[in-house]
Amino acid sequence: DVTNLLAKENFDPHRLTLEITEGVL
């Protein structure tokens, strides 16, 4: 979903940072 969104919006993936909490770890 994220990959397709970036391709659709022509957004540079290197500009995007996803923030997660340690709960998922």
PDB file of all heavy atoms in Angstrom:
ATOM      1  N   ASP A   1       0.836  -1.206   0.000  1.00  0.00           N
ATOM      2  CA  ASP A   1       0.000   0.000   0.000  1.00  0.00           C
ATOM      3  C   ASP A   1       0.873   1.259   0.000  1.00  0.00           C
ATOM      4  O   ASP A   1       0.624   2.206  -0.753  1.00  0.00           O
ATOM      5  CB  ASP A   1      -0.930   0.004   1.219  1.00  0.00           C
ATOM      6  CG  ASP A   1      -2.008  -1.056   1.128  1.00  0.00           C
ATOM      7  OD1 ASP A   1      -2.241  -1.556   0.022  1.00  0.00           O
ATOM      8  OD2 ASP A   1      -2.612  -1.388   2.168  1.00  0.00           O
ATOM      9  N   VAL A   2       1.904   1.291   0.853  1.00  0.00           N
ATOM     10  CA  VAL A   2       2.785   2.463   0.916  1.00  0.00           C
ATOM     11  C   VAL A   2       3.560   2.618  -0.391  1.00  0.00           C
ATOM     12  O   VAL A   2       3.690   3.724  -0.938  1.00  0.00           O
ATOM     13  CB  VAL A   2       3.740   2.347   2.122  1.00  0.00           C
ATOM     14  CG1 VAL A   2       4.754   3.480   2.112  1.00  0.00           C
ATOM     15  CG2 VAL A   2       2.954   2.352   3.424  1.00  0.00           C
ATOM     16  N   THR A   3       4.076   1.512  -0.904  1.00  0.00           N
ATOM     17  CA  THR A   3       4.843   1.572  -2.154  1.00  0.00           C
ATOM     18  C   THR A   3       3.987   2.099  -3.303  1.00  0.00           C
ATOM     19  O   THR A   3       4.418   2.958  -4.081  1.00  0.00           O
ATOM     20  CB  THR A   3       5.390   0.177  -2.493  1.00  0.00           C
ATOM     21  OG1 THR A   3       6.185  -0.308  -1.402  1.00  0.00           O
ATOM     22  CG2 THR A   3       6.240   0.221  -3.739  1.00  0.00           C
ATOM     23  N   ASN A   4       2.767   1.579  -3.421  1.00  0.00           N
ATOM     24  CA  ASN A   4       1.874   2.021  -4.501  1.00  0.00           C
ATOM     25  C   ASN A   4       1.501   3.490  -4.338  1.00  0.00           C
ATOM     26  O   ASN A   4       1.384   4.221  -5.327  1.00  0.00           O
ATOM     27  CB  ASN A   4       0.611   1.155  -4.523  1.00  0.00           C
ATOM     28  CG  ASN A   4       0.911  -0.282  -4.874  1.00  0.00           C
ATOM     29  OD1 ASN A   4       1.919  -0.574  -5.527  1.00  0.00           O
ATOM     30  ND2 ASN A   4       0.054  -1.200  -4.457  1.00  0.00           N
ATOM     31  N   LEU A   5       1.308   3.929  -3.085  1.00  0.00           N
ATOM     32  CA  LEU A   5       0.960   5.331  -2.846  1.00  0.00           C
ATOM     33  C   LEU A   5       2.094   6.252  -3.287  1.00  0.00           C
ATOM     34  O   LEU A   5       1.860   7.271  -3.955  1.00  0.00           O
ATOM     35  CB  LEU A   5       0.648   5.539  -1.365  1.00  0.00           C
ATOM     36  CG  LEU A   5       0.412   6.988  -0.911  1.00  0.00           C
ATOM     37  CD1 LEU A   5      -0.782   7.587  -1.633  1.00  0.00           C
ATOM     38  CD2 LEU A   5       0.223   7.046   0.607  1.00  0.00           C
ATOM     39  N   LEU A   6       3.325   5.933  -2.917  1.00  0.00           N
ATOM     40  CA  LEU A   6       4.469   6.765  -3.310  1.00  0.00           C
ATOM     41  C   LEU A   6       4.614   6.828  -4.825  1.00  0.00           C
ATOM     42  O   LEU A   6       4.909   7.886  -5.397  1.00  0.00           O
ATOM     43  CB  LEU A   6       5.747   6.227  -2.671  1.00  0.00           C
ATOM     44  CG  LEU A   6       5.837   6.327  -1.135  1.00  0.00           C
ATOM     45  CD1 LEU A   6       7.099   5.645  -0.641  1.00  0.00           C
ATOM     46  CD2 LEU A   6       5.800   7.771  -0.678  1.00  0.00           C
ATOM     47  N   ALA A   7       4.407   5.689  -5.485  1.00  0.00           N
ATOM     48  CA  ALA A   7       4.504   5.674  -6.950  1.00  0.00           C
ATOM     49  C   ALA A   7       3.387   6.498  -7.580  1.00  0.00           C
ATOM     50  O   ALA A   7       3.621   7.256  -8.538  1.00  0.00           O
ATOM     51  CB  ALA A   7       4.462   4.231  -7.453  1.00  0.00           C
ATOM     52  N   LYS A   8       2.199   6.380  -7.045  1.00  0.00           N
ATOM     53  CA  LYS A   8       1.062   7.120  -7.592  1.00  0.00           C
ATOM     54  C   LYS A   8       1.239   8.624  -7.436  1.00  0.00           C
ATOM     55  O   LYS A   8       0.930   9.404  -8.349  1.00  0.00           O
ATOM     56  CB  LYS A   8      -0.225   6.658  -6.897  1.00  0.00           C
ATOM     57  CG  LYS A   8      -1.466   7.383  -7.369  1.00  0.00           C
ATOM     58  CD  LYS A   8      -2.694   6.903  -6.614  1.00  0.00           C
ATOM     59  CE  LYS A   8      -3.933   7.680  -7.036  1.00  0.00           C
ATOM     60  NZ  LYS A   8      -5.139   7.245  -6.262  1.00  0.00           N
ATOM     61  N   GLU A   9       1.749   9.054  -6.266  1.00  0.00           N
ATOM     62  CA  GLU A   9       1.907  10.484  -6.003  1.00  0.00           C
ATOM     63  C   GLU A   9       3.264  11.021  -6.468  1.00  0.00           C
ATOM     64  O   GLU A   9       3.544  12.209  -6.302  1.00  0.00           O
ATOM     65  CB  GLU A   9       1.744  10.749  -4.495  1.00  0.00           C
ATOM     66  CG  GLU A   9       0.391  10.367  -3.937  1.00  0.00           C
ATOM     67  CD  GLU A   9      -0.743  11.181  -4.539  1.00  0.00           C
ATOM     68  OE1 GLU A   9      -0.473  12.319  -4.994  1.00  0.00           O
ATOM     69  OE2 GLU A   9      -1.875  10.677  -4.570  1.00  0.00           O
ATOM     70  N   ASN A  10       4.113  10.119  -7.024  1.00  0.00           N
ATOM     71  CA  ASN A  10       5.449  10.531  -7.501  1.00  0.00           C
ATOM     72  C   ASN A  10       6.222  11.247  -6.388  1.00  0.00           C
ATOM     73  O   ASN A  10       6.805  12.318  -6.593  1.00  0.00           O
ATOM     74  CB  ASN A  10       5.316  11.426  -8.735  1.00  0.00           C
ATOM     75  CG  ASN A  10       6.645  11.578  -9.455  1.00  0.00           C
ATOM     76  OD1 ASN A  10       7.526  10.715  -9.349  1.00  0.00           O
ATOM     77  ND2 ASN A  10       6.799  12.674 -10.180  1.00  0.00           N
ATOM     78  N   PHE A  11       6.213  10.637  -5.197  1.00  0.00           N
ATOM     79  CA  PHE A  11       6.868  11.226  -4.025  1.00  0.00           C
ATOM     80  C   PHE A  11       8.163  10.471  -3.747  1.00  0.00           C
ATOM     81  O   PHE A  11       8.178   9.227  -3.714  1.00  0.00           O
ATOM     82  CB  PHE A  11       5.932  11.137  -2.820  1.00  0.00           C
ATOM     83  CG  PHE A  11       6.396  11.937  -1.629  1.00  0.00           C
ATOM     84  CD1 PHE A  11       6.103  13.285  -1.529  1.00  0.00           C
ATOM     85  CD2 PHE A  11       7.126  11.339  -0.605  1.00  0.00           C
ATOM     86  CE1 PHE A  11       6.521  14.030  -0.432  1.00  0.00           C
ATOM     87  CE2 PHE A  11       7.546  12.063   0.495  1.00  0.00           C
ATOM     88  CZ  PHE A  11       7.238  13.424   0.577  1.00  0.00           C
ATOM     89  N   ASP A  12       9.244  11.206  -3.530  1.00  0.00           N
ATOM     90  CA  ASP A  12      10.558  10.599  -3.288  1.00  0.00           C
ATOM     91  C   ASP A  12      10.543   9.841  -1.958  1.00  0.00           C
ATOM     92  O   ASP A  12      10.344  10.444  -0.894  1.00  0.00           O
ATOM     93  CB  ASP A  12      11.622  11.698  -3.247  1.00  0.00           C
ATOM     94  CG  ASP A  12      13.022  11.115  -3.066  1.00  0.00           C
ATOM     95  OD1 ASP A  12      13.164   9.876  -3.057  1.00  0.00           O
ATOM     96  OD2 ASP A  12      13.972  11.910  -2.921  1.00  0.00           O
ATOM     97  N   PRO A  13      10.747   8.506  -1.982  1.00  0.00           N
ATOM     98  CA  PRO A  13      10.722   7.734  -0.728  1.00  0.00           C
ATOM     99  C   PRO A  13      11.769   8.197   0.273  1.00  0.00           C
ATOM    100  O   PRO A  13      11.576   8.041   1.486  1.00  0.00           O
ATOM    101  CB  PRO A  13      10.997   6.297  -1.188  1.00  0.00           C
ATOM    102  CG  PRO A  13      10.666   6.278  -2.643  1.00  0.00           C
ATOM    103  CD  PRO A  13      10.967   7.646  -3.148  1.00  0.00           C
ATOM    104  N   HIS A  14      12.889   8.788  -0.194  1.00  0.00           N
ATOM    105  CA  HIS A  14      13.951   9.202   0.717  1.00  0.00           C
ATOM    106  C   HIS A  14      13.529  10.402   1.572  1.00  0.00           C
ATOM    107  O   HIS A  14      14.181  10.709   2.573  1.00  0.00           O
ATOM    108  CB  HIS A  14      15.218   9.540  -0.069  1.00  0.00           C
ATOM    109  CG  HIS A  14      15.787   8.359  -0.795  1.00  0.00           C
ATOM    110  ND1 HIS A  14      15.368   7.977  -2.056  1.00  0.00           N
ATOM    111  CD2 HIS A  14      16.731   7.441  -0.423  1.00  0.00           C
ATOM    112  CE1 HIS A  14      16.038   6.908  -2.442  1.00  0.00           C
ATOM    113  NE2 HIS A  14      16.867   6.546  -1.475  1.00  0.00           N
ATOM    114  N   ARG A  15      12.458  11.088   1.177  1.00  0.00           N
ATOM    115  CA  ARG A  15      11.961  12.208   1.973  1.00  0.00           C
ATOM    116  C   ARG A  15      11.019  11.754   3.091  1.00  0.00           C
ATOM    117  O   ARG A  15      10.657  12.554   3.958  1.00  0.00           O
ATOM    118  CB  ARG A  15      11.201  13.192   1.073  1.00  0.00           C
ATOM    119  CG  ARG A  15      12.064  13.933   0.076  1.00  0.00           C
ATOM    120  CD  ARG A  15      11.205  14.871  -0.762  1.00  0.00           C
ATOM    121  NE  ARG A  15      10.459  15.806   0.084  1.00  0.00           N
ATOM    122  CZ  ARG A  15       9.379  16.475  -0.308  1.00  0.00           C
ATOM    123  NH1 ARG A  15       8.906  16.297  -1.538  1.00  0.00           N
ATOM    124  NH2 ARG A  15       8.763  17.306   0.519  1.00  0.00           N
ATOM    125  N   LEU A  16      10.595  10.489   3.072  1.00  0.00           N
ATOM    126  CA  LEU A  16       9.579  10.009   4.009  1.00  0.00           C
ATOM    127  C   LEU A  16      10.221   9.243   5.162  1.00  0.00           C
ATOM    128  O   LEU A  16      11.062   8.364   4.956  1.00  0.00           O
ATOM    129  CB  LEU A  16       8.577   9.094   3.288  1.00  0.00           C
ATOM    130  CG  LEU A  16       7.480   8.479   4.150  1.00  0.00           C
ATOM    131  CD1 LEU A  16       6.580   9.558   4.755  1.00  0.00           C
ATOM    132  CD2 LEU A  16       6.648   7.488   3.336  1.00  0.00           C
ATOM    133  N   THR A  17       9.820   9.609   6.376  1.00  0.00           N
ATOM    134  CA  THR A  17      10.217   8.873   7.583  1.00  0.00           C
ATOM    135  C   THR A  17       8.944   8.400   8.284  1.00  0.00           C
ATOM    136  O   THR A  17       8.039   9.201   8.546  1.00  0.00           O
ATOM    137  CB  THR A  17      11.018   9.756   8.545  1.00  0.00           C
ATOM    138  OG1 THR A  17      12.217  10.186   7.904  1.00  0.00           O
ATOM    139  CG2 THR A  17      11.379   8.983   9.813  1.00  0.00           C
ATOM    140  N   LEU A  18       8.882   7.106   8.559  1.00  0.00           N
ATOM    141  CA  LEU A  18       7.747   6.532   9.286  1.00  0.00           C
ATOM    142  C   LEU A  18       8.155   6.348  10.740  1.00  0.00           C
ATOM    143  O   LEU A  18       9.185   5.721  11.030  1.00  0.00           O
ATOM    144  CB  LEU A  18       7.330   5.191   8.675  1.00  0.00           C
ATOM    145  CG  LEU A  18       6.849   5.248   7.221  1.00  0.00           C
ATOM    146  CD1 LEU A  18       6.470   3.857   6.739  1.00  0.00           C
ATOM    147  CD2 LEU A  18       5.674   6.198   7.068  1.00  0.00           C
ATOM    148  N   GLU A  19       7.362   6.893  11.655  1.00  0.00           N
ATOM    149  CA  GLU A  19       7.668   6.821  13.083  1.00  0.00           C
ATOM    150  C   GLU A  19       6.823   5.734  13.731  1.00  0.00           C
ATOM    151  O   GLU A  19       5.600   5.690  13.547  1.00  0.00           O
ATOM    152  CB  GLU A  19       7.388   8.169  13.755  1.00  0.00           C
ATOM    153  CG  GLU A  19       8.254   9.296  13.216  1.00  0.00           C
ATOM    154  CD  GLU A  19       8.042  10.596  13.982  1.00  0.00           C
ATOM    155  OE1 GLU A  19       7.333  10.558  15.025  1.00  0.00           O
ATOM    156  OE2 GLU A  19       8.567  11.632  13.559  1.00  0.00           O
ATOM    157  N   ILE A  20       7.477   4.837  14.462  1.00  0.00           N
ATOM    158  CA  ILE A  20       6.782   3.765  15.166  1.00  0.00           C
ATOM    159  C   ILE A  20       7.220   3.753  16.618  1.00  0.00           C
ATOM    160  O   ILE A  20       8.314   4.204  16.956  1.00  0.00           O
ATOM    161  CB  ILE A  20       7.054   2.384  14.522  1.00  0.00           C
ATOM    162  CG1 ILE A  20       8.542   2.048  14.575  1.00  0.00           C
ATOM    163  CG2 ILE A  20       6.540   2.331  13.101  1.00  0.00           C
ATOM    164  CD1 ILE A  20       8.865   0.654  14.094  1.00  0.00           C
ATOM    165  N   THR A  21       6.351   3.237  17.474  1.00  0.00           N
ATOM    166  CA  THR A  21       6.695   3.071  18.887  1.00  0.00           C
ATOM    167  C   THR A  21       7.224   1.670  19.113  1.00  0.00           C
ATOM    168  O   THR A  21       7.086   0.785  18.266  1.00  0.00           O
ATOM    169  CB  THR A  21       5.464   3.313  19.775  1.00  0.00           C
ATOM    170  OG1 THR A  21       4.438   2.387  19.408  1.00  0.00           O
ATOM    171  CG2 THR A  21       4.946   4.731  19.613  1.00  0.00           C
ATOM    172  N   GLU A  22       7.822   1.457  20.259  1.00  0.00           N
ATOM    173  CA  GLU A  22       8.459   0.165  20.536  1.00  0.00           C
ATOM    174  C   GLU A  22       7.454  -0.955  20.762  1.00  0.00           C
ATOM    175  O   GLU A  22       7.830  -2.129  20.804  1.00  0.00           O
ATOM    176  CB  GLU A  22       9.343   0.282  21.771  1.00  0.00           C
ATOM    177  CG  GLU A  22       8.537   0.575  23.045  1.00  0.00           C
ATOM    178  CD  GLU A  22       9.442   0.901  24.213  1.00  0.00           C
ATOM    179  OE1 GLU A  22      10.394   1.664  24.032  1.00  0.00           O
ATOM    180  OE2 GLU A  22       9.188   0.367  25.279  1.00  0.00           O
ATOM    181  N   GLY A  23       6.157  -0.623  20.876  1.00  0.00           N
ATOM    182  CA  GLY A  23       5.164  -1.670  21.146  1.00  0.00           C
ATOM    183  C   GLY A  23       5.154  -2.742  20.078  1.00  0.00           C
ATOM    184  O   GLY A  23       5.035  -3.933  20.365  1.00  0.00           O
ATOM    185  N   VAL A  24       5.312  -2.346  18.819  1.00  0.00           N
ATOM    186  CA  VAL A  24       5.285  -3.326  17.736  1.00  0.00           C
ATOM    187  C   VAL A  24       6.508  -4.236  17.770  1.00  0.00           C
ATOM    188  O   VAL A  24       6.469  -5.378  17.331  1.00  0.00           O
ATOM    189  CB  VAL A  24       5.179  -2.604  16.378  1.00  0.00           C
ATOM    190  CG1 VAL A  24       6.462  -1.859  16.060  1.00  0.00           C
ATOM    191  CG2 VAL A  24       4.852  -3.582  15.266  1.00  0.00           C
ATOM    192  N   LEU A  25       7.619  -3.721  18.326  1.00  0.00           N
ATOM    193  CA  LEU A  25       8.828  -4.539  18.403  1.00  0.00           C
ATOM    194  C   LEU A  25       8.669  -5.662  19.410  1.00  0.00           C
ATOM    195  O   LEU A  25       9.350  -6.684  19.338  1.00  0.00           O
ATOM    196  CB  LEU A  25      10.028  -3.672  18.785  1.00  0.00           C
ATOM    197  CG  LEU A  25      10.212  -2.374  17.980  1.00  0.00           C
ATOM    198  CD1 LEU A  25      11.467  -1.666  18.438  1.00  0.00           C
ATOM    199  CD2 LEU A  25      10.259  -2.679  16.499  1.00  0.00           C
TER     200      LEU A  25
END
